[in-house]
N, C-alpha and C. Protein backbone atom coordinates (compact mmCIF):
# COMPACT_ATOMS: atom_id res chain seq x y z
N MET A 1 -26.00 -35.23 -0.95
CA MET A 1 -24.67 -35.32 -1.49
C MET A 1 -24.06 -36.64 -1.07
N THR A 2 -23.36 -37.19 -1.97
CA THR A 2 -22.71 -38.47 -1.69
C THR A 2 -21.26 -38.22 -1.39
N ASN A 3 -20.62 -39.28 -0.87
CA ASN A 3 -19.20 -39.17 -0.57
C ASN A 3 -18.39 -38.97 -1.82
N ALA A 4 -18.87 -39.43 -2.93
CA ALA A 4 -18.14 -39.28 -4.19
C ALA A 4 -18.14 -37.83 -4.64
N ASP A 5 -19.20 -37.09 -4.32
CA ASP A 5 -19.29 -35.69 -4.73
C ASP A 5 -18.40 -34.79 -3.87
N GLN A 6 -18.15 -35.16 -2.64
CA GLN A 6 -17.39 -34.31 -1.73
C GLN A 6 -15.97 -34.04 -2.20
N PRO A 7 -15.17 -35.02 -2.60
CA PRO A 7 -13.81 -34.70 -3.04
C PRO A 7 -13.80 -33.77 -4.24
N GLN A 8 -14.73 -33.98 -5.17
CA GLN A 8 -14.77 -33.12 -6.35
C GLN A 8 -15.17 -31.71 -5.93
N ASP A 9 -16.11 -31.62 -5.04
CA ASP A 9 -16.57 -30.33 -4.54
C ASP A 9 -15.43 -29.64 -3.79
N ILE A 10 -14.70 -30.37 -2.97
CA ILE A 10 -13.56 -29.82 -2.24
C ILE A 10 -12.48 -29.39 -3.22
N THR A 11 -12.21 -30.19 -4.23
CA THR A 11 -11.20 -29.85 -5.23
C THR A 11 -11.59 -28.57 -5.96
N ALA A 12 -12.84 -28.44 -6.32
CA ALA A 12 -13.31 -27.24 -7.01
C ALA A 12 -13.19 -26.03 -6.08
N ARG A 13 -13.55 -26.24 -4.83
CA ARG A 13 -13.44 -25.14 -3.88
C ARG A 13 -11.99 -24.74 -3.64
N LEU A 14 -11.11 -25.73 -3.55
CA LEU A 14 -9.68 -25.43 -3.39
C LEU A 14 -9.13 -24.71 -4.62
N ASP A 15 -9.55 -25.18 -5.80
CA ASP A 15 -9.12 -24.51 -7.03
C ASP A 15 -9.61 -23.06 -7.04
N ASP A 16 -10.85 -22.86 -6.63
CA ASP A 16 -11.41 -21.50 -6.57
C ASP A 16 -10.63 -20.65 -5.58
N ILE A 17 -10.31 -21.26 -4.41
CA ILE A 17 -9.53 -20.53 -3.41
C ILE A 17 -8.15 -20.20 -3.97
N ASN A 18 -7.53 -21.12 -4.67
CA ASN A 18 -6.21 -20.86 -5.27
C ASN A 18 -6.28 -19.72 -6.29
N VAL A 19 -7.31 -19.73 -7.12
CA VAL A 19 -7.47 -18.66 -8.11
C VAL A 19 -7.65 -17.32 -7.41
N ARG A 20 -8.48 -17.32 -6.38
CA ARG A 20 -8.72 -16.09 -5.65
C ARG A 20 -7.46 -15.61 -4.92
N LEU A 21 -6.71 -16.57 -4.34
CA LEU A 21 -5.45 -16.21 -3.68
C LEU A 21 -4.44 -15.64 -4.66
N GLU A 22 -4.35 -16.23 -5.85
CA GLU A 22 -3.45 -15.70 -6.87
C GLU A 22 -3.85 -14.29 -7.28
N ALA A 23 -5.18 -14.07 -7.42
CA ALA A 23 -5.67 -12.73 -7.77
C ALA A 23 -5.33 -11.74 -6.66
N LEU A 24 -5.51 -12.16 -5.40
CA LEU A 24 -5.14 -11.29 -4.28
C LEU A 24 -3.64 -11.03 -4.25
N GLY A 25 -2.85 -12.07 -4.54
CA GLY A 25 -1.39 -11.90 -4.60
C GLY A 25 -1.02 -10.89 -5.67
N ASP A 26 -1.66 -11.01 -6.86
CA ASP A 26 -1.40 -10.04 -7.93
C ASP A 26 -1.80 -8.63 -7.49
N GLU A 27 -2.93 -8.54 -6.81
CA GLU A 27 -3.41 -7.25 -6.32
C GLU A 27 -2.43 -6.67 -5.30
N LEU A 28 -1.93 -7.52 -4.40
CA LEU A 28 -0.95 -7.07 -3.40
C LEU A 28 0.34 -6.61 -4.08
N ASP A 29 0.79 -7.33 -5.10
CA ASP A 29 1.98 -6.91 -5.84
C ASP A 29 1.77 -5.54 -6.47
N LEU A 30 0.58 -5.33 -7.03
CA LEU A 30 0.26 -4.04 -7.63
C LEU A 30 0.25 -2.95 -6.57
N VAL A 31 -0.35 -3.23 -5.42
CA VAL A 31 -0.39 -2.25 -4.33
C VAL A 31 1.03 -1.93 -3.87
N ARG A 32 1.89 -2.95 -3.72
CA ARG A 32 3.28 -2.71 -3.34
C ARG A 32 4.00 -1.84 -4.36
N THR A 33 3.76 -2.12 -5.64
CA THR A 33 4.38 -1.32 -6.70
C THR A 33 3.92 0.13 -6.62
N VAL A 34 2.62 0.32 -6.42
CA VAL A 34 2.08 1.68 -6.30
C VAL A 34 2.65 2.37 -5.07
N GLN A 35 2.73 1.65 -3.94
CA GLN A 35 3.29 2.22 -2.72
C GLN A 35 4.75 2.63 -2.92
N ASP A 36 5.52 1.77 -3.57
CA ASP A 36 6.92 2.11 -3.84
C ASP A 36 7.01 3.37 -4.71
N SER A 37 6.18 3.44 -5.72
CA SER A 37 6.16 4.63 -6.58
C SER A 37 5.77 5.86 -5.79
N MET A 38 4.78 5.70 -4.93
CA MET A 38 4.34 6.83 -4.12
C MET A 38 5.43 7.26 -3.15
N ARG A 39 6.15 6.30 -2.54
CA ARG A 39 7.25 6.64 -1.64
C ARG A 39 8.32 7.44 -2.38
N ARG A 40 8.66 6.98 -3.59
CA ARG A 40 9.66 7.70 -4.39
C ARG A 40 9.16 9.09 -4.73
N GLU A 41 7.89 9.18 -5.10
CA GLU A 41 7.31 10.48 -5.47
C GLU A 41 7.29 11.42 -4.27
N VAL A 42 6.93 10.89 -3.09
CA VAL A 42 6.91 11.70 -1.87
C VAL A 42 8.32 12.17 -1.54
N ARG A 43 9.30 11.28 -1.66
CA ARG A 43 10.70 11.65 -1.41
C ARG A 43 11.14 12.74 -2.38
N TYR A 44 10.80 12.57 -3.66
CA TYR A 44 11.16 13.56 -4.67
C TYR A 44 10.47 14.90 -4.35
N THR A 45 9.20 14.83 -3.96
CA THR A 45 8.45 16.05 -3.63
C THR A 45 9.06 16.74 -2.42
N ASN A 46 9.43 15.96 -1.40
CA ASN A 46 10.07 16.55 -0.22
C ASN A 46 11.39 17.22 -0.57
N GLN A 47 12.17 16.56 -1.42
CA GLN A 47 13.44 17.16 -1.85
C GLN A 47 13.19 18.44 -2.64
N SER A 48 12.18 18.41 -3.50
CA SER A 48 11.84 19.60 -4.28
C SER A 48 11.38 20.73 -3.37
N MET A 49 10.58 20.39 -2.36
CA MET A 49 10.12 21.41 -1.42
C MET A 49 11.30 22.00 -0.65
N SER A 50 12.25 21.17 -0.27
CA SER A 50 13.42 21.67 0.44
C SER A 50 14.21 22.63 -0.44
N ARG A 51 14.39 22.25 -1.71
CA ARG A 51 15.09 23.14 -2.64
C ARG A 51 14.32 24.45 -2.81
N LEU A 52 13.01 24.34 -2.93
CA LEU A 52 12.17 25.52 -3.09
C LEU A 52 12.26 26.43 -1.86
N GLU A 53 12.23 25.83 -0.67
CA GLU A 53 12.35 26.62 0.55
C GLU A 53 13.69 27.34 0.61
N ARG A 54 14.77 26.65 0.21
CA ARG A 54 16.09 27.30 0.19
C ARG A 54 16.11 28.43 -0.82
N THR A 55 15.49 28.21 -1.98
CA THR A 55 15.45 29.24 -3.02
C THR A 55 14.68 30.46 -2.53
N VAL A 56 13.53 30.23 -1.89
CA VAL A 56 12.73 31.34 -1.36
C VAL A 56 13.52 32.10 -0.29
N ALA A 57 14.22 31.37 0.57
CA ALA A 57 15.03 32.02 1.60
C ALA A 57 16.14 32.85 0.95
N ASP A 58 16.78 32.31 -0.09
CA ASP A 58 17.82 33.05 -0.81
C ASP A 58 17.23 34.31 -1.44
N LEU A 59 16.06 34.18 -2.05
CA LEU A 59 15.41 35.33 -2.67
C LEU A 59 15.04 36.39 -1.63
N ALA A 60 14.60 35.95 -0.46
CA ALA A 60 14.29 36.89 0.61
C ALA A 60 15.55 37.62 1.06
N ASP A 61 16.67 36.90 1.16
CA ASP A 61 17.94 37.55 1.52
C ASP A 61 18.34 38.57 0.46
N ILE A 62 18.20 38.19 -0.79
CA ILE A 62 18.54 39.11 -1.89
C ILE A 62 17.65 40.34 -1.84
N ALA A 63 16.35 40.14 -1.59
CA ALA A 63 15.42 41.27 -1.51
C ALA A 63 15.81 42.20 -0.36
N ARG A 64 16.18 41.63 0.79
CA ARG A 64 16.61 42.46 1.93
C ARG A 64 17.87 43.24 1.57
N ASP A 65 18.81 42.58 0.90
CA ASP A 65 20.04 43.26 0.48
C ASP A 65 19.72 44.41 -0.47
N HIS A 66 18.80 44.17 -1.41
CA HIS A 66 18.42 45.23 -2.35
C HIS A 66 17.74 46.39 -1.62
N GLN A 67 16.88 46.07 -0.67
CA GLN A 67 16.22 47.14 0.08
C GLN A 67 17.24 47.97 0.85
N GLN A 68 18.20 47.30 1.45
CA GLN A 68 19.24 48.02 2.18
C GLN A 68 20.06 48.89 1.23
N ALA A 69 20.41 48.33 0.07
CA ALA A 69 21.17 49.11 -0.92
C ALA A 69 20.36 50.31 -1.39
N LEU A 70 19.05 50.12 -1.61
CA LEU A 70 18.21 51.24 -2.03
C LEU A 70 18.14 52.32 -0.95
N ARG A 71 18.04 51.90 0.31
CA ARG A 71 18.03 52.89 1.39
C ARG A 71 19.33 53.69 1.40
N LEU A 72 20.45 52.97 1.25
CA LEU A 72 21.75 53.66 1.23
C LEU A 72 21.85 54.61 0.04
N LEU A 73 21.39 54.15 -1.13
CA LEU A 73 21.42 55.01 -2.31
C LEU A 73 20.54 56.23 -2.12
N SER A 74 19.40 56.04 -1.50
CA SER A 74 18.50 57.16 -1.24
C SER A 74 19.15 58.15 -0.28
N GLN A 75 19.78 57.63 0.76
CA GLN A 75 20.48 58.51 1.71
C GLN A 75 21.61 59.25 1.02
N ASN A 76 22.38 58.53 0.18
CA ASN A 76 23.48 59.17 -0.55
C ASN A 76 22.94 60.24 -1.50
N ALA A 77 21.83 59.94 -2.17
CA ALA A 77 21.25 60.92 -3.10
C ALA A 77 20.80 62.16 -2.35
N GLU A 78 20.19 62.00 -1.19
CA GLU A 78 19.76 63.14 -0.39
C GLU A 78 20.96 63.96 0.07
N ARG A 79 22.00 63.28 0.50
CA ARG A 79 23.22 63.97 0.92
C ARG A 79 23.84 64.71 -0.26
N ASP A 80 23.84 64.06 -1.44
CA ASP A 80 24.38 64.71 -2.64
C ASP A 80 23.57 65.95 -3.02
N ARG A 81 22.22 65.86 -2.89
CA ARG A 81 21.37 67.03 -3.19
C ARG A 81 21.70 68.18 -2.24
N GLU A 82 21.87 67.85 -0.96
CA GLU A 82 22.22 68.89 0.01
C GLU A 82 23.57 69.51 -0.33
N THR A 83 24.53 68.66 -0.70
CA THR A 83 25.86 69.16 -1.06
C THR A 83 25.78 70.06 -2.28
N ILE A 84 25.01 69.63 -3.29
CA ILE A 84 24.86 70.44 -4.51
C ILE A 84 24.20 71.77 -4.18
N ASN A 85 23.16 71.75 -3.36
CA ASN A 85 22.50 73.01 -2.99
C ASN A 85 23.44 73.92 -2.23
N ASN A 86 24.22 73.35 -1.31
CA ASN A 86 25.21 74.15 -0.57
C ASN A 86 26.26 74.71 -1.52
N ASP A 87 26.77 73.87 -2.41
CA ASP A 87 27.78 74.31 -3.37
C ASP A 87 27.21 75.42 -4.27
N ARG A 88 25.96 75.25 -4.70
CA ARG A 88 25.32 76.26 -5.56
C ARG A 88 25.24 77.59 -4.82
N ALA A 89 24.86 77.55 -3.56
CA ALA A 89 24.76 78.79 -2.78
C ALA A 89 26.14 79.43 -2.63
N VAL A 90 27.17 78.61 -2.39
CA VAL A 90 28.54 79.13 -2.26
C VAL A 90 29.00 79.73 -3.59
N PHE A 91 28.74 79.00 -4.71
CA PHE A 91 29.15 79.52 -6.02
C PHE A 91 28.41 80.81 -6.35
N GLN A 92 27.11 80.87 -6.05
CA GLN A 92 26.36 82.08 -6.34
C GLN A 92 26.89 83.25 -5.51
N ALA A 93 27.21 83.00 -4.26
CA ALA A 93 27.77 84.05 -3.41
C ALA A 93 29.12 84.50 -3.95
N GLU A 94 29.92 83.55 -4.39
CA GLU A 94 31.25 83.89 -4.94
C GLU A 94 31.11 84.68 -6.24
N ILE A 95 30.17 84.26 -7.09
CA ILE A 95 29.94 84.98 -8.35
C ILE A 95 29.46 86.40 -8.04
N ARG A 96 28.56 86.55 -7.08
CA ARG A 96 28.05 87.87 -6.69
C ARG A 96 29.20 88.72 -6.17
N ARG A 97 30.08 88.15 -5.35
CA ARG A 97 31.23 88.89 -4.80
C ARG A 97 32.14 89.37 -5.93
N ILE A 98 32.39 88.46 -6.89
CA ILE A 98 33.24 88.84 -8.03
C ILE A 98 32.56 89.91 -8.86
N TRP A 99 31.25 89.76 -9.07
CA TRP A 99 30.50 90.75 -9.86
C TRP A 99 30.54 92.13 -9.19
N GLU A 100 30.33 92.15 -7.90
CA GLU A 100 30.37 93.42 -7.17
C GLU A 100 31.78 94.01 -7.21
N TYR A 101 32.77 93.17 -7.11
CA TYR A 101 34.15 93.65 -7.20
C TYR A 101 34.40 94.29 -8.56
N LEU A 102 33.95 93.59 -9.62
CA LEU A 102 34.13 94.13 -10.97
C LEU A 102 33.36 95.43 -11.15
N LEU A 103 32.16 95.53 -10.59
CA LEU A 103 31.40 96.77 -10.68
C LEU A 103 32.14 97.91 -9.98
N ARG A 104 32.73 97.61 -8.84
CA ARG A 104 33.49 98.64 -8.11
C ARG A 104 34.73 99.06 -8.89
N GLN A 105 35.28 98.15 -9.67
CA GLN A 105 36.49 98.43 -10.44
C GLN A 105 36.17 99.15 -11.75
N GLY A 106 34.93 99.36 -12.03
CA GLY A 106 34.56 100.06 -13.24
C GLY A 106 34.29 99.10 -14.40
N GLY A 107 34.23 97.88 -14.16
CA GLY A 107 33.86 96.94 -15.20
C GLY A 107 35.02 96.49 -16.06
N ASN A 108 36.17 97.26 -16.10
CA ASN A 108 37.28 96.86 -16.96
C ASN A 108 38.56 96.65 -16.19
N GLY A 109 38.45 96.58 -14.90
CA GLY A 109 39.64 96.34 -14.10
C GLY A 109 40.31 97.63 -13.65
N ASN A 110 39.90 98.81 -14.18
CA ASN A 110 40.45 100.10 -13.77
C ASN A 110 39.65 100.63 -12.59
N SER A 111 40.32 101.45 -11.83
CA SER A 111 39.63 102.06 -10.69
C SER A 111 38.59 103.03 -11.19
N PRO A 112 37.45 103.12 -10.49
CA PRO A 112 36.40 104.06 -10.92
C PRO A 112 36.85 105.49 -10.70
N VAL A 113 36.31 106.42 -11.48
CA VAL A 113 36.70 107.82 -11.41
C VAL A 113 36.02 108.54 -10.28
């Protein structure tokens, strides 16, 4: 190689390095853009997860409230059944008492002979 070839060779190598550096710069810009998009997406996903967690917690609270209401309704229904059965027994006893009274009276309100 002669001294005349060296500057041209260096110029070509510098040009090649410049082209490669520009390509790397473009690649870095693309990576930064993707990273920014990913950061935004991660932030959005985290916010969505937080909302979802709050919604699930709210639903769990609602489910507990419904279970408690169902237990109370079940207890009330059982108490009502007991009351109805007691009332039925009282009414039947009262009807029997009236029936026996009427039978003793002769069926028409007059005293038996």
